[in-house]
Protein backbone atom coordinates (compact mmCIF):
# COMPACT_ATOMS: atom_id res chain seq x y z
CA MET A 1 120.90 137.92 29.11
CA ARG A 2 118.96 137.50 32.56
CA CYS A 3 115.30 136.73 32.51
CA ARG A 4 113.90 138.82 35.07
CA GLY A 5 109.65 137.32 34.74
CA TYR A 6 109.18 134.63 37.77
CA LEU A 7 108.29 131.82 35.48
CA TRP A 8 111.13 131.54 34.16
CA ASN A 9 113.36 132.29 36.73
CA PRO A 10 115.82 129.68 37.29
CA GLN A 11 115.45 129.68 41.25
CA ASN A 12 111.87 129.48 41.03
CA ARG A 13 110.58 125.89 42.72
CA VAL A 14 107.73 125.28 39.97
CA TRP A 15 110.44 126.01 37.01
CA LEU A 16 112.94 123.65 38.79
CA LEU A 17 109.90 121.22 39.21
CA PHE A 18 109.50 120.99 35.25
CA ILE A 19 113.28 120.57 34.25
CA GLY A 20 114.31 118.29 37.40
CA ARG A 21 113.12 115.14 38.62
CA LEU A 22 109.73 114.37 37.50
CA GLY A 23 108.88 111.05 39.21
CA PRO A 24 106.21 110.40 41.03
CA ARG A 25 107.41 110.62 44.51
CA LYS A 26 109.20 113.56 43.36
CA PHE A 27 106.84 115.52 41.52
CA GLN A 28 104.96 118.08 43.85
CA MET A 29 103.11 121.30 43.30
CA PHE A 30 104.61 123.96 45.92
CA GLY A 31 105.92 121.36 48.18
CA LYS A 32 102.31 120.05 49.41
CA THR A 33 99.95 117.67 47.50
CA PRO A 34 101.89 115.49 44.95
CA PHE A 35 100.69 116.15 41.71
CA LEU A 36 99.92 112.66 39.99
CA PRO A 37 97.55 112.06 43.39
CA MET A 38 95.87 115.58 42.39
CA LEU A 39 95.65 114.42 38.68
CA ALA A 40 94.32 110.77 39.35
CA GLY A 41 91.16 113.23 41.67
CA ALA A 42 90.97 115.29 39.04
CA ALA A 43 90.41 112.67 36.08
CA GLY A 44 88.14 110.97 38.54
CA GLY A 45 85.80 114.54 38.94
CA ALA A 46 85.79 115.50 35.43
CA VAL A 47 84.61 111.88 34.43
CA ALA A 48 82.34 111.72 37.10
CA ILE A 49 80.57 114.53 35.98
CA ALA A 50 80.63 113.95 32.52
CA VAL A 51 78.78 110.80 33.86
CA MET A 52 76.36 113.35 35.66
CA GLU A 53 75.65 115.16 32.65
CA ALA A 54 75.01 111.86 30.61
CA PHE A 55 72.46 111.23 33.39
CA SER A 56 71.15 114.69 33.59
CA ILE A 57 70.68 114.76 29.44
CA ARG A 58 69.18 111.32 29.13
CA ARG A 59 66.62 111.75 31.87
CA ASP A 60 65.36 115.31 31.19
CA ILE A 61 66.66 116.21 34.49
CA PRO A 62 67.86 119.95 34.44
CA LEU A 63 71.79 119.50 35.59
CA TRP A 64 71.03 122.25 38.31
CA ALA A 65 68.61 119.54 40.06
CA ILE A 66 71.02 116.64 40.63
CA PRO A 67 73.39 118.35 43.48
CA PHE A 68 76.36 116.44 43.08
CA ALA A 69 79.16 119.02 42.13
CA THR A 70 80.65 119.29 44.90
CA SER A 71 80.11 116.04 46.59
CA ILE A 72 82.39 114.98 43.61
CA VAL A 73 85.20 117.27 44.33
CA THR A 74 84.97 116.61 47.97
CA VAL A 75 85.05 112.48 47.49
CA LEU A 76 87.72 112.41 44.81
CA GLY A 77 89.80 115.61 46.08
CA SER A 78 89.79 114.78 49.75
CA PRO A 79 89.93 111.15 49.93
CA GLU A 80 90.53 110.99 53.26
CA ALA A 81 88.16 113.84 54.80
CA LYS A 82 85.34 113.29 56.98
CA PRO A 83 82.61 114.81 54.89
CA ALA A 84 84.19 112.63 52.28
CA GLN A 85 83.40 109.09 53.45
CA PRO A 86 80.20 107.38 52.64
CA ARG A 87 78.48 107.70 55.62
CA ALA A 88 78.56 111.59 55.77
CA LEU A 89 77.99 111.63 51.78
CA LEU A 90 74.70 109.27 51.60
CA GLY A 91 73.34 110.66 54.88
CA GLY A 92 74.42 114.34 54.62
CA HIS A 93 72.35 114.18 50.79
CA VAL A 94 69.88 112.31 52.16
CA ILE A 95 69.27 113.88 55.30
CA SER A 96 69.14 117.14 54.08
CA THR A 97 67.25 116.62 50.98
CA ILE A 98 64.42 115.11 53.82
CA VAL A 99 64.70 118.27 55.95
CA GLY A 100 63.89 120.40 52.92
CA LEU A 101 60.74 118.31 51.75
CA VAL A 102 59.05 118.65 55.25
CA MET A 103 59.98 122.24 55.34
CA LEU A 104 58.69 122.52 51.93
CA LYS A 105 55.37 120.52 52.84
CA ILE A 106 54.70 122.78 56.04
CA PHE A 107 55.96 126.36 54.74
CA GLY A 108 55.56 125.92 50.87
CA PRO A 109 58.08 127.45 48.56
CA ASN A 110 59.18 130.26 50.34
CA PRO A 111 62.16 132.08 49.98
CA TRP A 112 62.59 132.32 53.66
CA ALA A 113 61.69 128.62 54.28
CA ALA A 114 64.70 127.79 52.15
CA ALA A 115 67.15 129.31 54.28
CA ALA A 116 65.61 127.88 57.16
CA ALA A 117 65.88 124.26 55.41
CA VAL A 118 69.80 125.06 54.72
CA GLY A 119 69.78 125.93 58.24
CA PHE A 120 68.06 123.21 59.50
CA SER A 121 69.42 120.51 57.92
CA MET A 122 73.03 121.75 59.02
CA ILE A 123 72.23 120.77 62.90
CA ALA A 124 70.70 117.51 61.32
CA MET A 125 73.44 116.39 59.92
CA HIS A 126 75.54 117.63 62.70
CA LEU A 127 73.08 115.94 65.22
CA THR A 128 73.56 112.42 62.90
CA ASP A 129 76.96 112.57 62.59
CA THR A 130 76.20 112.83 58.77
CA PHE A 131 77.73 116.51 57.78
CA HIS A 132 78.64 116.83 54.12
CA PRO A 133 78.84 120.21 53.13
CA PRO A 134 77.82 119.92 49.73
CA ALA A 135 74.51 118.23 50.99
CA GLY A 136 73.80 122.05 52.16
CA ILE A 137 72.65 123.30 48.67
CA ASP A 138 69.92 120.11 48.57
CA PRO A 139 67.31 122.00 50.62
CA LEU A 140 67.87 124.98 49.09
CA VAL A 141 67.04 123.07 45.52
CA VAL A 142 64.21 121.45 47.10
CA VAL A 143 62.29 124.57 48.55
CA THR A 144 62.65 126.93 45.97
CA ASN A 145 62.14 124.59 42.90
CA ASP A 146 59.00 123.08 44.68
CA MET A 147 60.17 119.44 44.30
CA SER A 148 58.37 116.14 45.29
CA TRP A 149 59.53 113.51 47.86
CA SER A 150 60.37 111.53 44.24
CA PHE A 151 63.37 113.84 44.50
CA LEU A 152 64.68 111.44 47.27
CA LEU A 153 65.22 108.81 45.53
CA ALA A 154 65.81 110.01 42.29
CA PRO A 155 68.41 112.01 41.74
CA VAL A 156 69.19 112.36 45.27
CA GLY A 157 69.01 108.83 46.85
CA ALA A 158 70.58 107.24 43.35
CA GLY A 159 72.71 109.49 43.03
CA ALA A 160 74.45 109.61 46.32
CA VAL A 161 74.87 105.57 46.33
CA LEU A 162 76.31 105.76 42.76
CA LEU A 163 78.95 108.26 43.66
CA ALA A 164 79.81 106.33 46.18
CA LEU A 165 80.48 103.11 44.46
CA PHE A 166 81.90 105.50 41.42
CA ALA A 167 84.05 106.62 44.05
CA PHE A 168 85.00 103.27 45.51
CA ALA A 169 85.87 101.67 41.99
CA TRP A 170 88.18 105.70 41.35
CA HIS A 171 89.94 105.30 44.52
CA LYS A 172 90.86 101.39 44.16
CA LEU A 173 91.59 101.84 39.70
CA PHE A 174 93.26 104.97 39.70
CA ALA A 175 94.70 106.66 43.17
CA PHE A 176 98.34 107.26 43.43
CA GLY A 177 100.40 108.78 46.43
CA PRO A 178 98.18 109.80 49.40
CA ASN A 179 94.96 108.75 47.69
CA LYS A 180 96.36 105.30 47.54
CA PRO A 181 94.07 102.68 47.28
CA GLY A 182 93.18 101.27 50.42
CA LYS A 183 92.66 105.11 51.80
CA TRP A 184 88.96 105.61 50.72
CA PRO A 185 86.88 105.03 52.81
CA VAL A 186 88.60 105.51 55.49
CA ARG A 187 85.37 104.47 57.55
CA TRP A 188 82.03 102.62 55.61
CA TRP A 189 79.71 103.69 57.95
């Protein structure tokens, strides 16, 4: 009896991967990223998010006010990308937060000021060669929630430094394949 389902079809490449050779260099998902490096990045992301959540609970800072979830995904999931490098990670978050704080102090916590702050932060990140797309949320959080200048130091400044240190350690200890040790950072600054 022949199975017609795609998943169980013996001609299906994914099925062949599971019953075929499962070595770390051979096991690729859909012919692109090897599975073990993908798994290492995902595990690192989960650990980093758990640490961020623990910090949020311990410091009584709402989780929505810690803008690093997408940065964690970028730095651990695409370590060779330019936005994943320490200069972009640190500079992008700090510059975007400063832009948000300046817009907040000048115009107050208005929706249009928040939107303009995101746009101006994108320009500032491009001009300073620190473009980090996940940092685009920082001015929005700052303006809509009327944050103080202390938000720049913690959680943004401290969080960006801690994330860079975590990513450095994670990539040195647990990275495989294209994410092997020595691949992150491509450049520090």
